[in-house]
Protein backbone atom coordinates (compact mmCIF):
# COMPACT_ATOMS: atom_id res chain seq x y z
CA MET A 1 -73.52 -21.72 3.03
CA ASN A 2 -73.26 -24.97 4.94
CA ILE A 3 -73.68 -27.25 1.94
CA GLU A 4 -72.14 -26.27 -1.36
CA GLU A 5 -72.90 -28.04 -4.62
CA LYS A 6 -70.86 -28.06 -7.78
CA HIS A 7 -70.43 -30.12 -10.90
CA ILE A 8 -67.10 -31.47 -12.08
CA LYS A 9 -67.31 -33.36 -15.35
CA ASN A 10 -70.40 -35.53 -14.91
CA VAL A 11 -70.06 -35.76 -11.12
CA PHE A 12 -72.19 -33.95 -8.55
CA VAL A 13 -69.96 -32.78 -5.67
CA ILE A 14 -71.53 -31.93 -2.33
CA GLN A 15 -69.25 -30.14 0.12
CA ILE A 16 -70.49 -30.40 3.69
CA ASN A 17 -69.37 -27.44 5.78
CA TYR A 18 -70.96 -28.42 9.09
CA PRO A 19 -68.46 -28.98 11.90
CA ARG A 20 -71.04 -31.34 13.40
CA ALA A 21 -73.31 -33.17 10.97
CA THR A 22 -76.22 -34.40 13.05
CA PHE A 23 -79.97 -34.96 12.89
CA ASN A 24 -80.53 -31.23 12.34
CA GLU A 25 -78.29 -31.11 9.26
CA ALA A 26 -79.31 -34.46 7.76
CA ASN A 27 -82.26 -33.00 5.82
CA SER A 28 -79.97 -30.55 4.03
CA LEU A 29 -77.80 -33.42 2.80
CA LYS A 30 -80.86 -35.43 1.80
CA SER A 31 -82.17 -32.47 -0.21
CA SER A 32 -78.82 -31.99 -1.94
CA ILE A 33 -78.57 -35.66 -2.92
CA GLU A 34 -82.15 -35.61 -4.21
CA LYS A 35 -81.45 -32.43 -6.17
CA GLY A 36 -78.46 -34.07 -7.82
CA ILE A 37 -80.45 -37.17 -8.74
CA GLU A 38 -83.29 -35.04 -10.14
CA LYS A 39 -80.74 -33.28 -12.36
CA GLY A 40 -79.61 -36.67 -13.63
CA TYR A 41 -76.45 -37.10 -11.58
CA VAL A 42 -75.82 -40.61 -10.28
CA LYS A 43 -72.12 -40.11 -9.62
CA ILE A 44 -71.84 -38.18 -6.38
CA VAL A 45 -68.90 -37.14 -4.21
CA LEU A 46 -69.49 -36.12 -0.61
CA ASP A 47 -66.70 -33.87 0.66
CA LEU A 48 -66.50 -34.15 4.45
CA ASP A 49 -63.20 -32.30 4.77
CA ASN A 50 -64.77 -29.55 6.93
CA CYS A 51 -66.79 -31.96 9.04
CA GLU A 52 -65.41 -33.04 12.41
CA TYR A 53 -68.32 -35.21 13.55
CA VAL A 54 -71.21 -37.15 12.01
CA ASP A 55 -73.99 -38.91 13.86
CA SER A 56 -75.98 -41.99 12.90
CA THR A 57 -78.82 -39.98 11.34
CA PHE A 58 -76.42 -38.22 9.00
CA LEU A 59 -74.76 -41.55 8.13
CA ASN A 60 -78.21 -42.99 7.44
CA VAL A 61 -78.90 -40.25 4.89
CA MET A 62 -75.58 -41.05 3.21
CA VAL A 63 -76.42 -44.77 3.03
CA ASN A 64 -79.94 -44.12 1.73
CA GLY A 65 -78.50 -41.82 -0.93
CA LEU A 66 -76.09 -44.57 -1.92
CA LYS A 67 -78.97 -47.04 -2.22
CA ARG A 68 -80.84 -44.65 -4.50
CA VAL A 69 -77.96 -43.98 -6.88
CA THR A 70 -76.88 -47.63 -6.90
CA LYS A 71 -80.30 -48.55 -8.29
CA LEU A 72 -79.55 -46.08 -11.09
CA ASN A 73 -76.09 -47.62 -11.72
CA GLY A 74 -74.36 -44.81 -9.84
CA ASP A 75 -72.23 -44.49 -6.75
CA ILE A 76 -71.33 -42.14 -3.91
CA ARG A 77 -67.68 -41.59 -3.04
CA ILE A 78 -66.42 -39.95 0.15
CA VAL A 79 -63.60 -37.42 0.55
CA GLY A 80 -61.84 -35.85 3.52
CA LEU A 81 -62.53 -38.09 6.48
CA GLN A 82 -61.33 -36.37 9.64
CA PRO A 83 -60.07 -38.73 12.40
CA THR A 84 -63.29 -38.56 14.43
CA VAL A 85 -65.43 -39.14 11.35
CA MET A 86 -63.21 -42.04 10.29
CA ALA A 87 -63.65 -43.50 13.78
CA MET A 88 -67.44 -43.36 13.32
CA PHE A 89 -67.07 -44.99 9.88
CA GLU A 90 -65.02 -47.78 11.46
CA LEU A 91 -67.33 -48.20 14.45
CA THR A 92 -70.37 -48.59 12.20
CA ARG A 93 -68.41 -50.44 9.51
CA ILE A 94 -69.64 -47.90 6.95
CA PHE A 95 -66.10 -47.69 5.57
CA ARG A 96 -66.81 -51.04 3.89
CA VAL A 97 -69.71 -49.53 1.95
CA PHE A 98 -68.16 -46.32 0.62
CA GLN A 99 -65.00 -45.79 -1.37
CA THR A 100 -62.94 -43.03 0.21
CA TYR A 101 -60.38 -40.69 -1.34
CA SER A 102 -57.95 -38.07 -0.12
CA ASP A 103 -59.29 -35.25 -2.32
CA VAL A 104 -62.20 -34.34 -4.56
CA GLN A 105 -60.28 -34.58 -7.83
CA LYS A 106 -59.14 -38.15 -7.11
CA ALA A 107 -62.72 -39.13 -6.27
CA VAL A 108 -64.05 -37.52 -9.45
CA ASP A 109 -61.32 -39.18 -11.54
CA SER A 110 -62.13 -42.55 -9.97
CA PHE A 111 -65.48 -42.54 -11.75
CA GLU A 112 -63.62 -42.51 -15.07
CA MET A 113 -61.46 -45.48 -14.20
CA LYS A 114 -62.67 -48.91 -15.20
CA ARG A 115 -63.27 -51.28 -12.33
């Protein structure tokens, strides 16, 4: 399966297993985020560890998901940025919008920490 979903504590974790996350894969991510929100999850972790490339359409879905959960007092955290994906985050300045972590557990735990 190219997108795997799981729940850790009260966090919805979406693991993206597309080597290239582009326009064609963006709807799958959108559906997963919507599914999580419908189930009441507003704390979401996107695991991009297996993703070597993302395009602007895929990034747009991530940002729109963030907007939706932010309105519900939630957040989306990002895990596993490969060098090429990090380059895209830097180029588009998306890295300023999302908090990033080295692994899923750290991202999940970050929701428990007071800011």
